[in-house]
């Protein structure tokens, strides 16, 4: 499963940069903060607060944060501390799900409105990929709950 997550995050990172369309960060609704624990880096949230910065920068940095968090989960899964694996997994899972929701609720509609591409365009494909990712995250969450670090 690790390879599938890594492949998706690399692909999604590239696609997101094109979709962001330099929409201003102020268009993100309140309530999209990351509440579950500290993030690996807080550059993306810092980018949101600087005047004149855009979703493209935010999502670029947020993809890097997700990648860093995933690397921490992988490293911990190779070790012997189940509590650390569980804590890091929960943070990654929560933040990635929040990231997917932000793309679906903010970036994709902005792209569709700007381009008129709805129904079968790139956002349709990415929404489908997000559903696949959520399925993988569910399987991985089950493995994490069982303490099965190899399957995680």
Protein backbone atom coordinates (compact mmCIF):
# COMPACT_ATOMS: atom_id res chain seq x y z
CA UNK A 1 0.00 0.00 0.00
CA UNK A 2 2.87 2.37 0.70
CA UNK A 3 3.86 2.46 -2.96
CA UNK A 4 0.32 3.32 -4.05
CA UNK A 5 0.12 6.23 -1.60
CA UNK A 6 3.53 7.55 -2.66
CA UNK A 7 2.63 7.33 -6.35
CA UNK A 8 -0.65 9.14 -5.81
CA UNK A 9 0.85 11.96 -3.77
CA UNK A 10 3.50 12.57 -6.43
CA UNK A 11 0.87 12.69 -9.20
CA UNK A 12 -1.56 14.75 -7.16
CA UNK A 13 1.18 17.23 -6.27
CA UNK A 14 1.84 18.03 -9.93
CA UNK A 15 -1.83 18.17 -10.89
CA UNK A 16 -2.74 20.42 -7.98
CA UNK A 17 -0.24 23.06 -9.00
CA UNK A 18 -1.89 23.38 -12.40
CA UNK A 19 -5.39 23.41 -10.98
CA UNK A 20 -4.80 26.04 -8.31
CA UNK A 21 -4.89 28.74 -11.02
CA UNK A 22 -3.36 31.26 -8.66
CA UNK A 23 -6.68 31.74 -6.86
CA UNK A 24 -6.09 33.96 -3.85
CA UNK A 25 -5.76 32.16 -0.53
CA UNK A 26 -8.54 34.27 0.97
CA UNK A 27 -11.02 32.16 -0.99
CA UNK A 28 -10.48 29.25 1.40
CA UNK A 29 -13.41 29.12 3.83
CA UNK A 30 -12.73 29.37 7.52
CA UNK A 31 -12.60 26.07 9.34
CA UNK A 32 -10.06 24.45 7.02
CA UNK A 33 -7.30 24.62 9.63
CA UNK A 34 -5.44 21.51 10.72
CA UNK A 35 -6.37 20.91 14.32
CA UNK A 36 -5.07 17.37 15.06
CA UNK A 37 -1.61 17.93 16.44
CA UNK A 38 1.43 19.79 15.22
CA UNK A 39 2.38 19.64 11.58
CA UNK A 40 5.82 18.72 10.34
CA UNK A 41 6.24 22.18 8.83
CA UNK A 42 3.92 25.11 9.10
CA UNK A 43 5.05 26.84 5.91
CA UNK A 44 1.73 26.19 4.16
CA UNK A 45 -0.27 27.82 6.93
CA UNK A 46 2.21 30.70 7.00
CA UNK A 47 1.70 31.11 3.24
CA UNK A 48 -2.04 31.46 3.84
CA UNK A 49 -1.56 34.45 6.10
CA UNK A 50 0.83 36.47 3.91
CA UNK A 51 -1.01 39.06 1.82
CA UNK A 52 -0.96 38.38 -1.91
CA UNK A 53 -0.13 34.68 -1.71
CA UNK A 54 -2.14 32.14 -3.58
CA UNK A 55 -3.56 28.68 -3.32
CA UNK A 56 -0.84 27.39 -5.62
CA UNK A 57 1.81 28.22 -3.03
CA UNK A 58 -0.34 26.89 -0.21
CA UNK A 59 -0.95 23.56 -1.91
CA UNK A 60 2.67 23.19 -3.01
CA UNK A 61 3.76 23.55 0.60
CA UNK A 62 0.92 21.40 1.89
CA UNK A 63 1.88 18.58 -0.48
CA UNK A 64 5.41 18.79 0.91
CA UNK A 65 4.00 18.60 4.43
CA UNK A 66 1.98 15.49 3.56
CA UNK A 67 5.05 13.93 1.93
CA UNK A 68 7.14 14.65 5.03
CA UNK A 69 4.49 13.21 7.29
CA UNK A 70 4.23 10.08 5.14
CA UNK A 71 8.02 9.63 5.30
CA UNK A 72 7.78 9.79 9.10
CA UNK A 73 5.04 7.13 9.11
CA UNK A 74 7.16 4.86 6.90
CA UNK A 75 10.24 5.30 9.06
CA UNK A 76 8.27 4.63 12.23
CA UNK A 77 6.60 1.56 10.67
CA UNK A 78 10.05 0.13 10.08
CA UNK A 79 10.81 0.52 13.79
CA UNK A 80 9.38 -1.17 16.87
CA UNK A 81 7.36 1.53 18.63
CA UNK A 82 3.67 0.91 17.95
CA UNK A 83 2.59 4.03 19.85
CA UNK A 84 4.74 6.27 17.64
CA UNK A 85 3.43 4.59 14.49
CA UNK A 86 -0.14 5.09 15.67
CA UNK A 87 0.37 8.76 16.55
CA UNK A 88 2.12 9.58 13.27
CA UNK A 89 -0.39 7.60 11.24
CA UNK A 90 -3.34 9.42 12.82
CA UNK A 91 -1.76 12.81 12.09
CA UNK A 92 -0.99 11.88 8.48
CA UNK A 93 -4.44 10.36 7.88
CA UNK A 94 -6.23 13.38 9.31
CA UNK A 95 -4.12 15.93 7.44
CA UNK A 96 -4.31 14.11 4.10
CA UNK A 97 -8.09 13.77 4.39
CA UNK A 98 -8.31 17.49 5.18
CA UNK A 99 -6.10 18.25 2.19
CA UNK A 100 -8.31 16.19 -0.13
CA UNK A 101 -11.39 17.97 1.19
CA UNK A 102 -9.80 21.37 0.56
CA UNK A 103 -9.01 20.42 -3.03
CA UNK A 104 -12.55 19.15 -3.60
CA UNK A 105 -14.34 22.03 -1.91
CA UNK A 106 -12.13 24.97 -2.93
CA UNK A 107 -9.67 24.26 -5.73
CA UNK A 108 -11.75 22.03 -7.98
CA UNK A 109 -14.81 24.33 -8.01
CA UNK A 110 -12.54 27.33 -8.74
CA UNK A 111 -10.95 25.44 -11.63
CA UNK A 112 -14.32 24.34 -12.99
CA UNK A 113 -15.71 27.86 -12.77
CA UNK A 114 -12.65 29.36 -14.45
CA UNK A 115 -12.48 26.82 -17.27
CA UNK A 116 -16.05 25.65 -17.67
CA UNK A 117 -14.73 22.07 -17.56
CA UNK A 118 -17.18 20.01 -15.54
CA UNK A 119 -18.41 16.44 -15.61
CA UNK A 120 -15.60 14.70 -17.43
CA UNK A 121 -12.60 16.99 -17.06
CA UNK A 122 -9.51 16.69 -14.89
CA UNK A 123 -11.36 17.38 -11.65
CA UNK A 124 -13.65 14.43 -12.36
CA UNK A 125 -10.58 12.19 -12.65
CA UNK A 126 -9.00 13.64 -9.52
CA UNK A 127 -12.18 13.21 -7.50
CA UNK A 128 -12.13 9.56 -8.53
CA UNK A 129 -8.49 9.31 -7.45
CA UNK A 130 -9.42 10.88 -4.12
CA UNK A 131 -12.05 8.20 -3.57
CA UNK A 132 -9.43 5.55 -4.30
CA UNK A 133 -7.09 7.26 -1.84
CA UNK A 134 -9.77 7.28 0.84
CA UNK A 135 -10.26 3.56 0.27
CA UNK A 136 -6.53 2.98 0.69
CA UNK A 137 -6.47 5.19 3.78
CA UNK A 138 -9.29 3.09 5.23
CA UNK A 139 -7.38 -0.14 4.60
CA UNK A 140 -4.25 1.38 6.08
CA UNK A 141 -6.18 2.63 9.12
CA UNK A 142 -7.37 -0.94 9.73
CA UNK A 143 -3.78 -2.18 9.51
CA UNK A 144 -2.64 0.55 11.89
CA UNK A 145 -5.42 -0.30 14.36
CA UNK A 146 -4.32 -3.95 14.34
CA UNK A 147 -0.69 -2.94 14.79
CA UNK A 148 0.19 -4.49 11.44
CA UNK A 149 3.08 -2.21 10.53
CA UNK A 150 4.03 -4.28 7.49
CA UNK A 151 0.60 -3.88 5.90
CA UNK A 152 0.50 -0.23 6.84
